[in-house]
Amino acid sequence: MNDTTPDADETNWRIDFPPIDPIRIRDPVAEALAVLEPGEPFVITYADVVTQAGHSCPTASGAFRIAQLGLDALYPDETPVRSEIEVTAGGPKDDPAYGVLSRIVSYVTGAAEADGFGGLAGGYGGRQDLLHFEEFEDFEGAGPTVEFSRTDTGAVVRVTYHVGDVPPLGPAGKSLQQLIDGTATPAERAAFADAWHGRVERVLTDDDLFTVGGPESP
């Protein structure tokens, strides 16, 4: 039987992602259990986020950028550390945008609700109760907003994603139902892919779609 599984550094996707820096984040538990050498980070790419979410879209790409920009601001001179990052999403988790977004930010930072990893002996590296949902009244209507705070220093950063400024899908969006039904022509599929992934590329490369507030110290 032939093994057609892609190599570890390959995928069978039909997407060409734009060059974008990955997110590097340390994990004390991974270091303690010899998964990583002390001080060495996990490297999380946008492709990893697509695998986690199961799709690439302006919400998934926006969540990646929110996490990247927030962590860069929160740790300007250091590598971020899981279990020391508290996350508050500025809307309910059953919201279509905040639901997907919070899962991706949780995947990157490790921050979780009560069902998260409790840590090694004595709670070392625990991530429980580090993810919260709270509507920010002063950010209402600005776009999806996520707050990141450091449990070691108390520094706080908020990142707002101006999703309303992302260009619309345009005429190619009319083919979505045909893509779902499997009746789209090759030309319709190609036109949709160009338009859809073009929007994602815009989100991944346009810093003007985001506002970073902070860091603020307590």
C-alpha atoms as a PDB file:
ATOM      1  CA  MET A   1       0.000   0.000   0.000  1.00  0.00           C
ATOM      2  CA  ASN A   2       1.412   3.367  -1.007  1.00  0.00           C
ATOM      3  CA  ASP A   3       1.786   5.993   1.722  1.00  0.00           C
ATOM      4  CA  THR A   4       0.483   9.296   0.352  1.00  0.00           C
ATOM      5  CA  THR A   5       0.686  11.147   3.657  1.00  0.00           C
ATOM      6  CA  PRO A   6       2.396  14.553   3.185  1.00  0.00           C
ATOM      7  CA  ASP A   7       5.786  15.034   4.800  1.00  0.00           C
ATOM      8  CA  ALA A   8       5.842  16.846   8.144  1.00  0.00           C
ATOM      9  CA  ASP A   9       6.771  20.133   6.483  1.00  0.00           C
ATOM     10  CA  GLU A  10       4.224  19.848   3.691  1.00  0.00           C
ATOM     11  CA  THR A  11       0.472  20.123   3.320  1.00  0.00           C
ATOM     12  CA  ASN A  12      -1.950  19.187   0.581  1.00  0.00           C
ATOM     13  CA  TRP A  13      -3.739  22.532   0.871  1.00  0.00           C
ATOM     14  CA  ARG A  14      -4.482  24.718  -2.117  1.00  0.00           C
ATOM     15  CA  ILE A  15      -3.517  27.931  -0.336  1.00  0.00           C
ATOM     16  CA  ASP A  16      -0.429  30.064  -0.718  1.00  0.00           C
ATOM     17  CA  PHE A  17      -0.087  31.985   2.525  1.00  0.00           C
ATOM     18  CA  PRO A  18       1.749  35.309   2.448  1.00  0.00           C
ATOM     19  CA  PRO A  19       5.032  35.470   4.361  1.00  0.00           C
ATOM     20  CA  ILE A  20       4.166  36.295   7.961  1.00  0.00           C
ATOM     21  CA  ASP A  21       6.181  35.853  11.123  1.00  0.00           C
ATOM     22  CA  PRO A  22       5.082  32.981  13.363  1.00  0.00           C
ATOM     23  CA  ILE A  23       4.229  33.384  17.033  1.00  0.00           C
ATOM     24  CA  ARG A  24       6.872  32.113  19.443  1.00  0.00           C
ATOM     25  CA  ILE A  25       5.754  31.230  22.945  1.00  0.00           C
ATOM     26  CA  ARG A  26       7.366  29.351  25.810  1.00  0.00           C
ATOM     27  CA  ASP A  27       5.571  26.591  27.686  1.00  0.00           C
ATOM     28  CA  PRO A  28       6.895  25.774  31.192  1.00  0.00           C
ATOM     29  CA  VAL A  29       5.267  22.344  31.162  1.00  0.00           C
ATOM     30  CA  ALA A  30       6.815  21.433  27.817  1.00  0.00           C
ATOM     31  CA  GLU A  31      10.178  22.519  29.178  1.00  0.00           C
ATOM     32  CA  ALA A  32       9.771  20.585  32.435  1.00  0.00           C
ATOM     33  CA  LEU A  33       8.752  17.404  30.608  1.00  0.00           C
ATOM     34  CA  ALA A  34      11.683  17.717  28.175  1.00  0.00           C
ATOM     35  CA  VAL A  35       9.494  18.382  25.142  1.00  0.00           C
ATOM     36  CA  LEU A  36      11.430  21.626  24.684  1.00  0.00           C
ATOM     37  CA  GLU A  37      14.816  22.687  25.978  1.00  0.00           C
ATOM     38  CA  PRO A  38      14.649  25.337  28.738  1.00  0.00           C
ATOM     39  CA  GLY A  39      13.959  28.716  27.165  1.00  0.00           C
ATOM     40  CA  GLU A  40      13.114  27.285  23.737  1.00  0.00           C
ATOM     41  CA  PRO A  41       9.677  28.312  22.414  1.00  0.00           C
ATOM     42  CA  PHE A  42       6.955  26.618  20.485  1.00  0.00           C
ATOM     43  CA  VAL A  43       6.683  28.153  17.003  1.00  0.00           C
ATOM     44  CA  ILE A  44       3.058  28.631  15.913  1.00  0.00           C
ATOM     45  CA  THR A  45       2.381  29.535  12.287  1.00  0.00           C
ATOM     46  CA  TYR A  46      -0.829  30.704  10.673  1.00  0.00           C
ATOM     47  CA  ALA A  47      -0.984  27.286   9.020  1.00  0.00           C
ATOM     48  CA  ASP A  48      -1.159  25.764  12.523  1.00  0.00           C
ATOM     49  CA  VAL A  49      -4.102  28.029  13.313  1.00  0.00           C
ATOM     50  CA  VAL A  50      -5.860  26.938  10.116  1.00  0.00           C
ATOM     51  CA  THR A  51      -5.417  23.320  11.176  1.00  0.00           C
ATOM     52  CA  GLN A  52      -6.872  24.124  14.612  1.00  0.00           C
ATOM     53  CA  ALA A  53      -9.832  26.044  13.205  1.00  0.00           C
ATOM     54  CA  GLY A  54     -10.398  23.806  10.199  1.00  0.00           C
ATOM     55  CA  HIS A  55     -10.621  26.763   7.849  1.00  0.00           C
ATOM     56  CA  SER A  56      -8.961  30.003   6.802  1.00  0.00           C
ATOM     57  CA  CYS A  57     -11.107  33.111   6.931  1.00  0.00           C
ATOM     58  CA  PRO A  58     -10.999  36.757   8.060  1.00  0.00           C
ATOM     59  CA  THR A  59     -12.002  35.689  11.582  1.00  0.00           C
ATOM     60  CA  ALA A  60      -9.270  33.040  11.901  1.00  0.00           C
ATOM     61  CA  SER A  61      -6.619  35.295  10.392  1.00  0.00           C
ATOM     62  CA  GLY A  62      -7.824  38.176  12.557  1.00  0.00           C
ATOM     63  CA  ALA A  63      -7.506  36.004  15.668  1.00  0.00           C
ATOM     64  CA  PHE A  64      -3.949  35.057  14.725  1.00  0.00           C
ATOM     65  CA  ARG A  65      -3.025  38.708  14.300  1.00  0.00           C
ATOM     66  CA  ILE A  66      -4.776  39.706  17.536  1.00  0.00           C
ATOM     67  CA  ALA A  67      -2.711  37.130  19.412  1.00  0.00           C
ATOM     68  CA  GLN A  68       0.490  38.101  17.624  1.00  0.00           C
ATOM     69  CA  LEU A  69       0.108  41.840  18.106  1.00  0.00           C
ATOM     70  CA  GLY A  70      -1.108  41.488  21.683  1.00  0.00           C
ATOM     71  CA  LEU A  71       1.762  39.258  22.748  1.00  0.00           C
ATOM     72  CA  ASP A  72       4.321  41.420  20.953  1.00  0.00           C
ATOM     73  CA  ALA A  73       3.089  44.449  22.890  1.00  0.00           C
ATOM     74  CA  LEU A  74       2.798  42.602  26.194  1.00  0.00           C
ATOM     75  CA  TYR A  75       6.293  41.112  25.921  1.00  0.00           C
ATOM     76  CA  PRO A  76       8.336  43.707  24.014  1.00  0.00           C
ATOM     77  CA  ASP A  77      11.689  42.318  25.174  1.00  0.00           C
ATOM     78  CA  GLU A  78      10.845  38.755  26.184  1.00  0.00           C
ATOM     79  CA  THR A  79       9.283  35.593  24.828  1.00  0.00           C
ATOM     80  CA  PRO A  80       5.656  35.148  25.988  1.00  0.00           C
ATOM     81  CA  VAL A  81       5.031  32.387  28.518  1.00  0.00           C
ATOM     82  CA  ARG A  82       1.977  30.157  28.671  1.00  0.00           C
ATOM     83  CA  SER A  83       0.322  29.961  32.103  1.00  0.00           C
ATOM     84  CA  GLU A  84       1.315  33.588  32.737  1.00  0.00           C
ATOM     85  CA  ILE A  85      -1.098  35.092  30.200  1.00  0.00           C
ATOM     86  CA  GLU A  86      -4.688  35.907  31.112  1.00  0.00           C
ATOM     87  CA  VAL A  87      -7.104  36.571  28.250  1.00  0.00           C
ATOM     88  CA  THR A  88     -10.447  38.357  28.265  1.00  0.00           C
ATOM     89  CA  ALA A  89     -12.540  38.271  25.092  1.00  0.00           C
ATOM     90  CA  GLY A  90     -14.754  41.328  24.738  1.00  0.00           C
ATOM     91  CA  GLY A  91     -17.954  39.481  23.914  1.00  0.00           C
ATOM     92  CA  PRO A  92     -19.932  36.284  24.620  1.00  0.00           C
ATOM     93  CA  LYS A  93     -18.387  32.960  23.645  1.00  0.00           C
ATOM     94  CA  ASP A  94     -21.527  31.923  21.763  1.00  0.00           C
ATOM     95  CA  ASP A  95     -21.034  34.887  19.418  1.00  0.00           C
ATOM     96  CA  PRO A  96     -20.011  33.600  15.950  1.00  0.00           C
ATOM     97  CA  ALA A  97     -16.930  35.817  15.847  1.00  0.00           C
ATOM     98  CA  TYR A  98     -15.841  35.610  19.487  1.00  0.00           C
ATOM     99  CA  GLY A  99     -16.371  31.853  19.579  1.00  0.00           C
ATOM    100  CA  VAL A 100     -13.897  31.104  16.778  1.00  0.00           C
ATOM    101  CA  LEU A 101     -11.582  33.909  17.832  1.00  0.00           C
ATOM    102  CA  SER A 102     -11.361  32.843  21.488  1.00  0.00           C
ATOM    103  CA  ARG A 103     -10.582  29.241  20.583  1.00  0.00           C
ATOM    104  CA  ILE A 104      -7.664  30.338  18.437  1.00  0.00           C
ATOM    105  CA  VAL A 105      -6.315  32.764  21.029  1.00  0.00           C
ATOM    106  CA  SER A 106      -6.659  30.015  23.639  1.00  0.00           C
ATOM    107  CA  TYR A 107      -4.788  27.611  21.360  1.00  0.00           C
ATOM    108  CA  VAL A 108      -1.916  30.082  21.053  1.00  0.00           C
ATOM    109  CA  THR A 109      -1.698  31.316  24.648  1.00  0.00           C
ATOM    110  CA  GLY A 110      -2.900  28.225  26.502  1.00  0.00           C
ATOM    111  CA  ALA A 111      -5.351  30.374  28.478  1.00  0.00           C
ATOM    112  CA  ALA A 112      -8.451  28.317  29.250  1.00  0.00           C
ATOM    113  CA  GLU A 113     -11.586  28.281  31.359  1.00  0.00           C
ATOM    114  CA  ALA A 114     -12.202  25.882  34.247  1.00  0.00           C
ATOM    115  CA  ASP A 115     -11.701  22.877  31.957  1.00  0.00           C
ATOM    116  CA  GLY A 116      -8.116  23.862  31.113  1.00  0.00           C
ATOM    117  CA  PHE A 117      -4.927  22.065  32.103  1.00  0.00           C
ATOM    118  CA  GLY A 118      -4.471  22.190  35.863  1.00  0.00           C
ATOM    119  CA  GLY A 119      -0.675  22.045  35.804  1.00  0.00           C
ATOM    120  CA  LEU A 120       1.928  19.665  37.114  1.00  0.00           C
ATOM    121  CA  ALA A 121       2.432  18.913  40.806  1.00  0.00           C
ATOM    122  CA  GLY A 122       1.376  21.954  42.767  1.00  0.00           C
ATOM    123  CA  GLY A 123      -0.259  23.501  39.697  1.00  0.00           C
ATOM    124  CA  TYR A 124       2.983  24.328  37.888  1.00  0.00           C
ATOM    125  CA  GLY A 125       2.197  25.665  34.419  1.00  0.00           C
ATOM    126  CA  GLY A 126      -1.560  25.526  35.012  1.00  0.00           C
ATOM    127  CA  ARG A 127      -3.885  27.331  32.615  1.00  0.00           C
ATOM    128  CA  GLN A 128      -7.263  26.998  34.309  1.00  0.00           C
ATOM    129  CA  ASP A 129      -9.421  30.097  34.751  1.00  0.00           C
ATOM    130  CA  LEU A 130      -7.192  32.253  32.541  1.00  0.00           C
ATOM    131  CA  LEU A 131      -9.806  32.758  29.788  1.00  0.00           C
ATOM    132  CA  HIS A 132     -12.773  35.058  30.414  1.00  0.00           C
ATOM    133  CA  PHE A 133     -15.616  36.622  28.441  1.00  0.00           C
ATOM    134  CA  GLU A 134     -16.726  40.153  29.238  1.00  0.00           C
ATOM    135  CA  GLU A 135     -18.349  42.808  27.100  1.00  0.00           C
ATOM    136  CA  PHE A 136     -16.221  45.946  27.052  1.00  0.00           C
ATOM    137  CA  GLU A 137     -18.699  48.826  27.046  1.00  0.00           C
ATOM    138  CA  ASP A 138     -16.075  51.389  26.052  1.00  0.00           C
ATOM    139  CA  PHE A 139     -15.163  49.284  22.990  1.00  0.00           C
ATOM    140  CA  GLU A 140     -18.713  48.620  21.825  1.00  0.00           C
ATOM    141  CA  GLY A 141     -18.972  48.794  18.047  1.00  0.00           C
ATOM    142  CA  ALA A 142     -15.218  49.164  17.524  1.00  0.00           C
ATOM    143  CA  GLY A 143     -14.800  45.549  16.465  1.00  0.00           C
ATOM    144  CA  PRO A 144     -13.748  42.335  18.190  1.00  0.00           C
ATOM    145  CA  THR A 145     -11.507  43.246  21.118  1.00  0.00           C
ATOM    146  CA  VAL A 146      -9.306  41.017  23.261  1.00  0.00           C
ATOM    147  CA  GLU A 147      -7.457  41.950  26.434  1.00  0.00           C
ATOM    148  CA  PHE A 148      -4.178  40.256  27.368  1.00  0.00           C
ATOM    149  CA  SER A 149      -2.639  40.594  30.813  1.00  0.00           C
ATOM    150  CA  ARG A 150       0.491  39.218  32.429  1.00  0.00           C
ATOM    151  CA  THR A 151      -0.077  37.477  35.730  1.00  0.00           C
ATOM    152  CA  ASP A 152       3.568  38.064  36.703  1.00  0.00           C
ATOM    153  CA  THR A 153       3.685  41.843  36.156  1.00  0.00           C
ATOM    154  CA  GLY A 154       0.034  42.898  35.813  1.00  0.00           C
ATOM    155  CA  ALA A 155       0.716  44.651  32.489  1.00  0.00           C
ATOM    156  CA  VAL A 156      -2.359  44.846  30.237  1.00  0.00           C
ATOM    157  CA  VAL A 157      -2.836  45.185  26.470  1.00  0.00           C
ATOM    158  CA  ARG A 158      -6.022  45.431  24.419  1.00  0.00           C
ATOM    159  CA  VAL A 159      -6.183  44.657  20.712  1.00  0.00           C
ATOM    160  CA  THR A 160      -9.146  45.655  18.570  1.00  0.00           C
ATOM    161  CA  TYR A 161      -9.756  44.158  15.129  1.00  0.00           C
ATOM    162  CA  HIS A 162     -11.567  46.550  12.794  1.00  0.00           C
ATOM    163  CA  VAL A 163     -13.233  43.768  10.890  1.00  0.00           C
ATOM    164  CA  GLY A 164     -15.657  46.200   9.273  1.00  0.00           C
ATOM    165  CA  ASP A 165     -12.737  47.592   7.270  1.00  0.00           C
ATOM    166  CA  VAL A 166     -11.969  44.242   5.639  1.00  0.00           C
ATOM    167  CA  PRO A 167     -12.964  44.454   1.964  1.00  0.00           C
ATOM    168  CA  PRO A 168     -16.188  42.619   1.052  1.00  0.00           C
ATOM    169  CA  LEU A 169     -16.063  39.328  -0.807  1.00  0.00           C
ATOM    170  CA  GLY A 170     -17.692  40.773  -3.900  1.00  0.00           C
ATOM    171  CA  PRO A 171     -19.441  38.944  -6.764  1.00  0.00           C
ATOM    172  CA  ALA A 172     -17.429  35.758  -6.224  1.00  0.00           C
ATOM    173  CA  GLY A 173     -19.373  35.203  -3.013  1.00  0.00           C
ATOM    174  CA  LYS A 174     -22.422  34.244  -5.048  1.00  0.00           C
ATOM    175  CA  SER A 175     -20.732  30.904  -5.779  1.00  0.00           C
ATOM    176  CA  LEU A 176     -20.551  29.829  -2.127  1.00  0.00           C
ATOM    177  CA  GLN A 177     -23.701  27.701  -2.225  1.00  0.00           C
ATOM    178  CA  GLN A 178     -22.493  25.998  -5.379  1.00  0.00           C
ATOM    179  CA  LEU A 179     -19.174  25.259  -3.651  1.00  0.00           C
ATOM    180  CA  ILE A 180     -21.065  23.746  -0.728  1.00  0.00           C
ATOM    181  CA  ASP A 181     -23.260  21.694  -3.073  1.00  0.00           C
ATOM    182  CA  GLY A 182     -20.294  20.601  -5.175  1.00  0.00           C
ATOM    183  CA  THR A 183     -21.821  22.078  -8.331  1.00  0.00           C
ATOM    184  CA  ALA A 184     -19.454  25.037  -8.826  1.00  0.00           C
ATOM    185  CA  THR A 185     -17.512  25.131 -12.060  1.00  0.00           C
ATOM    186  CA  PRO A 186     -13.700  25.196 -11.946  1.00  0.00           C
ATOM    187  CA  ALA A 187     -13.825  28.851 -12.957  1.00  0.00           C
ATOM    188  CA  GLU A 188     -16.266  29.711 -10.162  1.00  0.00           C
ATOM    189  CA  ARG A 189     -14.149  27.830  -7.635  1.00  0.00           C
ATOM    190  CA  ALA A 190     -10.990  29.611  -8.751  1.00  0.00           C
ATOM    191  CA  ALA A 191     -12.644  33.032  -8.653  1.00  0.00           C
ATOM    192  CA  PHE A 192     -14.005  32.374  -5.161  1.00  0.00           C
ATOM    193  CA  ALA A 193     -10.624  31.162  -3.913  1.00  0.00           C
ATOM    194  CA  ASP A 194      -8.867  34.266  -5.246  1.00  0.00           C
ATOM    195  CA  ALA A 195     -11.382  36.590  -3.602  1.00  0.00           C
ATOM    196  CA  TRP A 196     -11.652  34.681  -0.323  1.00  0.00           C
ATOM    197  CA  HIS A 197      -7.959  34.139   0.274  1.00  0.00           C
ATOM    198  CA  GLY A 198      -7.211  37.647  -0.927  1.00  0.00           C
ATOM    199  CA  ARG A 199      -9.231  38.962   1.996  1.00  0.00           C
ATOM    200  CA  VAL A 200      -7.329  36.697   4.388  1.00  0.00           C
ATOM    201  CA  GLU A 201      -4.019  37.950   2.999  1.00  0.00           C
ATOM    202  CA  ARG A 202      -5.163  41.517   3.596  1.00  0.00           C
ATOM    203  CA  VAL A 203      -5.908  40.717   7.246  1.00  0.00           C
ATOM    204  CA  LEU A 204      -2.545  39.018   7.727  1.00  0.00           C
ATOM    205  CA  THR A 205      -0.548  41.886   6.255  1.00  0.00           C
ATOM    206  CA  ASP A 206      -2.431  45.123   7.007  1.00  0.00           C
ATOM    207  CA  ASP A 207      -1.629  46.485  10.473  1.00  0.00           C
ATOM    208  CA  ASP A 208      -4.119  49.310   9.914  1.00  0.00           C
ATOM    209  CA  LEU A 209      -6.917  46.810  10.550  1.00  0.00           C
ATOM    210  CA  PHE A 210      -5.846  46.607  14.197  1.00  0.00           C
ATOM    211  CA  THR A 211      -5.465  48.961  17.114  1.00  0.00           C
ATOM    212  CA  VAL A 212      -3.181  48.024  19.995  1.00  0.00           C
ATOM    213  CA  GLY A 213      -3.725  49.788  23.294  1.00  0.00           C
ATOM    214  CA  GLY A 214      -1.038  49.491  25.932  1.00  0.00           C
ATOM    215  CA  PRO A 215       0.802  47.965  27.512  1.00  0.00           C
ATOM    216  CA  GLU A 216      -0.484  49.516  30.700  1.00  0.00           C
ATOM    217  CA  SER A 217       1.007  48.733  34.080  1.00  0.00           C
ATOM    218  CA  PRO A 218      -1.130  48.397  37.224  1.00  0.00           C
END
